[in-house]
Amino acid sequence: MLISVPNKIQDGDGFYISYNDHDHAIYGSDTTALVVGQMDRFYILTGDHRAAYDQLIEQGLEACLTYYQANPALVHKYSDPLKTD
């Protein structure tokens, strides 16, 4: 029997941070996703970035996006491309 293990979530205003430490077969490692809207966009970084996002989440989505953009070497191949509009 398979058991679903939920991701660890931090809620923001119009977005959330989702940490996944159990789908290594799919992602190859732990991942932290900045999820925008109702799962409209997934900006995924390889590794555990909860501590950094925890410091930024109250500042809003733009602060979290700035952190994401500051770590291009860690952007996961399954991450959505950044929207520029």
N, C-alpha and C. Protein backbone atom coordinates (compact mmCIF):
# COMPACT_ATOMS: atom_id res chain seq x y z
N MET A 1 0.84 -1.18 0.00
CA MET A 1 0.00 0.00 0.00
C MET A 1 0.89 1.25 0.00
N LEU A 2 0.58 2.18 -0.88
CA LEU A 2 1.29 3.45 -0.95
C LEU A 2 0.68 4.44 0.02
N ILE A 3 1.53 5.19 0.67
CA ILE A 3 1.07 6.22 1.60
C ILE A 3 1.54 7.56 1.06
N SER A 4 0.62 8.49 0.90
CA SER A 4 0.96 9.83 0.43
C SER A 4 1.48 10.66 1.60
N VAL A 5 2.66 11.24 1.41
CA VAL A 5 3.24 12.10 2.43
C VAL A 5 3.11 13.53 1.94
N PRO A 6 2.37 14.35 2.66
CA PRO A 6 2.16 15.73 2.17
C PRO A 6 3.44 16.56 2.28
N ASN A 7 3.55 17.51 1.37
CA ASN A 7 4.64 18.47 1.44
C ASN A 7 4.46 19.37 2.65
N LYS A 8 5.54 19.95 3.10
CA LYS A 8 5.49 20.91 4.19
C LYS A 8 5.24 22.29 3.57
N ILE A 9 4.22 22.98 4.05
CA ILE A 9 3.73 24.21 3.42
C ILE A 9 3.89 25.41 4.35
N GLN A 10 4.30 26.56 3.76
CA GLN A 10 4.29 27.86 4.43
C GLN A 10 3.41 28.77 3.59
N ASP A 11 2.36 29.31 4.18
CA ASP A 11 1.41 30.15 3.44
C ASP A 11 1.85 31.60 3.37
N GLY A 12 1.70 32.17 2.18
CA GLY A 12 1.90 33.59 1.95
C GLY A 12 0.60 34.17 1.41
N ASP A 13 0.63 35.44 1.04
CA ASP A 13 -0.55 36.12 0.52
C ASP A 13 -0.59 35.94 -1.01
N GLY A 14 -1.38 34.99 -1.47
CA GLY A 14 -1.50 34.71 -2.90
C GLY A 14 -0.47 33.72 -3.42
N PHE A 15 0.29 33.11 -2.52
CA PHE A 15 1.31 32.14 -2.88
C PHE A 15 1.61 31.29 -1.64
N TYR A 16 2.37 30.22 -1.86
CA TYR A 16 2.87 29.45 -0.73
C TYR A 16 4.19 28.79 -1.10
N ILE A 17 4.90 28.37 -0.08
CA ILE A 17 6.17 27.67 -0.23
C ILE A 17 5.90 26.20 0.10
N SER A 18 6.34 25.32 -0.79
CA SER A 18 6.11 23.89 -0.62
C SER A 18 7.45 23.15 -0.62
N TYR A 19 7.76 22.52 0.51
CA TYR A 19 9.01 21.75 0.63
C TYR A 19 8.70 20.28 0.46
N ASN A 20 9.46 19.61 -0.42
CA ASN A 20 9.24 18.20 -0.73
C ASN A 20 10.53 17.43 -0.46
N ASP A 21 10.50 16.59 0.55
CA ASP A 21 11.68 15.79 0.87
C ASP A 21 11.46 14.30 0.66
N HIS A 22 10.44 13.95 -0.13
CA HIS A 22 10.12 12.54 -0.28
C HIS A 22 10.02 12.05 -1.72
N ASP A 23 10.00 12.91 -2.71
CA ASP A 23 9.87 12.48 -4.10
C ASP A 23 11.22 12.49 -4.83
N HIS A 24 12.24 11.93 -4.19
CA HIS A 24 13.58 11.92 -4.78
C HIS A 24 13.62 11.16 -6.10
N ALA A 25 12.79 10.13 -6.26
CA ALA A 25 12.77 9.38 -7.51
C ALA A 25 12.32 10.25 -8.68
N ILE A 26 11.49 11.24 -8.41
CA ILE A 26 11.00 12.14 -9.45
C ILE A 26 11.94 13.33 -9.65
N TYR A 27 12.30 13.98 -8.53
CA TYR A 27 13.05 15.23 -8.59
C TYR A 27 14.55 15.08 -8.41
N GLY A 28 15.01 13.94 -7.90
CA GLY A 28 16.43 13.71 -7.72
C GLY A 28 17.00 14.23 -6.42
N SER A 29 16.23 14.98 -5.67
CA SER A 29 16.68 15.56 -4.39
C SER A 29 15.49 16.21 -3.70
N ASP A 30 15.76 16.79 -2.53
CA ASP A 30 14.76 17.65 -1.90
C ASP A 30 14.53 18.85 -2.81
N THR A 31 13.32 19.39 -2.80
CA THR A 31 13.03 20.59 -3.57
C THR A 31 12.15 21.53 -2.75
N THR A 32 12.26 22.80 -3.06
CA THR A 32 11.42 23.83 -2.45
C THR A 32 10.79 24.63 -3.58
N ALA A 33 9.46 24.66 -3.59
CA ALA A 33 8.76 25.36 -4.67
C ALA A 33 8.06 26.60 -4.14
N LEU A 34 8.17 27.67 -4.88
CA LEU A 34 7.40 28.88 -4.68
C LEU A 34 6.20 28.72 -5.60
N VAL A 35 5.03 28.50 -5.03
CA VAL A 35 3.82 28.19 -5.80
C VAL A 35 2.93 29.43 -5.82
N VAL A 36 2.67 29.93 -7.01
CA VAL A 36 1.92 31.18 -7.18
C VAL A 36 0.46 30.88 -7.51
N GLY A 37 -0.43 31.64 -6.88
CA GLY A 37 -1.86 31.51 -7.14
C GLY A 37 -2.40 30.16 -6.72
N GLN A 38 -3.33 29.66 -7.48
CA GLN A 38 -3.93 28.35 -7.23
C GLN A 38 -3.17 27.29 -8.03
N MET A 39 -1.88 27.17 -7.72
CA MET A 39 -0.98 26.25 -8.42
C MET A 39 -0.84 26.63 -9.89
N ASP A 40 -0.84 27.97 -10.15
CA ASP A 40 -0.69 28.48 -11.51
C ASP A 40 0.75 28.37 -12.00
N ARG A 41 1.71 28.65 -11.12
CA ARG A 41 3.13 28.63 -11.48
C ARG A 41 3.91 27.96 -10.34
N PHE A 42 4.90 27.16 -10.71
CA PHE A 42 5.77 26.49 -9.75
C PHE A 42 7.21 26.91 -10.04
N TYR A 43 7.81 27.66 -9.14
CA TYR A 43 9.20 28.07 -9.26
C TYR A 43 9.99 27.22 -8.27
N ILE A 44 10.68 26.21 -8.79
CA ILE A 44 11.27 25.16 -7.97
C ILE A 44 12.78 25.32 -7.87
N LEU A 45 13.27 25.27 -6.64
CA LEU A 45 14.70 25.25 -6.38
C LEU A 45 15.09 23.89 -5.82
N THR A 46 16.24 23.39 -6.20
CA THR A 46 16.78 22.18 -5.63
C THR A 46 17.26 22.48 -4.21
N GLY A 47 16.92 21.60 -3.26
CA GLY A 47 17.36 21.76 -1.88
C GLY A 47 16.29 22.32 -0.98
N ASP A 48 16.67 22.52 0.26
CA ASP A 48 15.77 23.02 1.30
C ASP A 48 15.99 24.52 1.50
N HIS A 49 15.03 25.32 1.08
CA HIS A 49 15.13 26.79 1.16
C HIS A 49 14.10 27.38 2.12
N ARG A 50 13.56 26.55 2.98
CA ARG A 50 12.51 27.03 3.89
C ARG A 50 12.99 28.15 4.80
N ALA A 51 14.19 28.07 5.32
CA ALA A 51 14.69 29.10 6.24
C ALA A 51 14.77 30.46 5.55
N ALA A 52 15.26 30.47 4.32
CA ALA A 52 15.37 31.73 3.58
C ALA A 52 13.98 32.29 3.27
N TYR A 53 13.09 31.43 2.76
CA TYR A 53 11.74 31.89 2.44
C TYR A 53 11.00 32.32 3.70
N ASP A 54 11.26 31.66 4.81
CA ASP A 54 10.60 32.03 6.06
C ASP A 54 10.91 33.48 6.43
N GLN A 55 12.11 33.94 6.12
CA GLN A 55 12.50 35.32 6.39
C GLN A 55 11.86 36.32 5.42
N LEU A 56 11.38 35.82 4.28
CA LEU A 56 10.87 36.70 3.22
C LEU A 56 9.36 36.66 3.05
N ILE A 57 8.72 35.61 3.51
CA ILE A 57 7.32 35.36 3.18
C ILE A 57 6.40 36.51 3.60
N GLU A 58 6.68 37.15 4.72
CA GLU A 58 5.86 38.28 5.17
C GLU A 58 6.05 39.52 4.30
N GLN A 59 7.17 39.57 3.57
CA GLN A 59 7.43 40.70 2.67
C GLN A 59 6.69 40.54 1.35
N GLY A 60 6.17 39.35 1.09
CA GLY A 60 5.34 39.14 -0.08
C GLY A 60 6.01 38.38 -1.21
N LEU A 61 5.22 38.19 -2.25
CA LEU A 61 5.63 37.40 -3.40
C LEU A 61 6.88 37.97 -4.08
N GLU A 62 6.94 39.27 -4.26
CA GLU A 62 8.09 39.86 -4.96
C GLU A 62 9.40 39.56 -4.25
N ALA A 63 9.41 39.61 -2.93
CA ALA A 63 10.62 39.31 -2.17
C ALA A 63 11.02 37.85 -2.37
N CYS A 64 10.05 36.96 -2.39
CA CYS A 64 10.33 35.54 -2.61
C CYS A 64 10.80 35.29 -4.03
N LEU A 65 10.22 35.97 -5.00
CA LEU A 65 10.67 35.85 -6.39
C LEU A 65 12.10 36.36 -6.56
N THR A 66 12.44 37.41 -5.85
CA THR A 66 13.80 37.94 -5.91
C THR A 66 14.80 36.90 -5.39
N TYR A 67 14.43 36.22 -4.31
CA TYR A 67 15.29 35.15 -3.78
C TYR A 67 15.43 34.03 -4.82
N TYR A 68 14.33 33.62 -5.39
CA TYR A 68 14.35 32.58 -6.42
C TYR A 68 15.29 32.97 -7.56
N GLN A 69 15.15 34.19 -8.04
CA GLN A 69 15.97 34.67 -9.16
C GLN A 69 17.44 34.79 -8.79
N ALA A 70 17.73 34.98 -7.52
CA ALA A 70 19.11 35.12 -7.05
C ALA A 70 19.84 33.77 -6.98
N ASN A 71 19.13 32.68 -7.26
CA ASN A 71 19.71 31.35 -7.16
C ASN A 71 19.57 30.56 -8.47
N PRO A 72 20.04 31.11 -9.59
CA PRO A 72 19.83 30.43 -10.88
C PRO A 72 20.48 29.06 -10.97
N ALA A 73 21.57 28.84 -10.28
CA ALA A 73 22.25 27.54 -10.34
C ALA A 73 21.44 26.44 -9.66
N LEU A 74 20.45 26.83 -8.85
CA LEU A 74 19.64 25.85 -8.11
C LEU A 74 18.25 25.65 -8.70
N VAL A 75 17.94 26.35 -9.78
CA VAL A 75 16.62 26.20 -10.41
C VAL A 75 16.50 24.77 -10.96
N HIS A 76 15.44 24.10 -10.54
CA HIS A 76 15.21 22.72 -10.94
C HIS A 76 14.70 22.66 -12.37
N LYS A 77 15.03 21.60 -13.07
CA LYS A 77 14.62 21.46 -14.47
C LYS A 77 13.11 21.41 -14.65
N TYR A 78 12.35 21.06 -13.61
CA TYR A 78 10.89 21.03 -13.70
C TYR A 78 10.24 22.36 -13.31
N SER A 79 11.05 23.36 -13.00
CA SER A 79 10.51 24.66 -12.63
C SER A 79 9.88 25.34 -13.85
N ASP A 80 8.80 26.07 -13.61
CA ASP A 80 8.21 26.88 -14.68
C ASP A 80 9.16 28.03 -15.01
N PRO A 81 9.16 28.45 -16.28
CA PRO A 81 9.93 29.64 -16.61
C PRO A 81 9.28 30.87 -15.98
N LEU A 82 10.08 31.83 -15.61
CA LEU A 82 9.54 33.07 -15.02
C LEU A 82 8.72 33.81 -16.05
N LYS A 83 7.56 34.30 -15.63
CA LYS A 83 6.76 35.16 -16.50
C LYS A 83 7.35 36.55 -16.44
N THR A 84 7.40 37.21 -17.56
CA THR A 84 7.96 38.55 -17.61
C THR A 84 6.91 39.63 -17.79
N ASP A 85 5.64 39.25 -17.73
CA ASP A 85 4.58 40.27 -17.90
C ASP A 85 4.09 40.79 -16.59
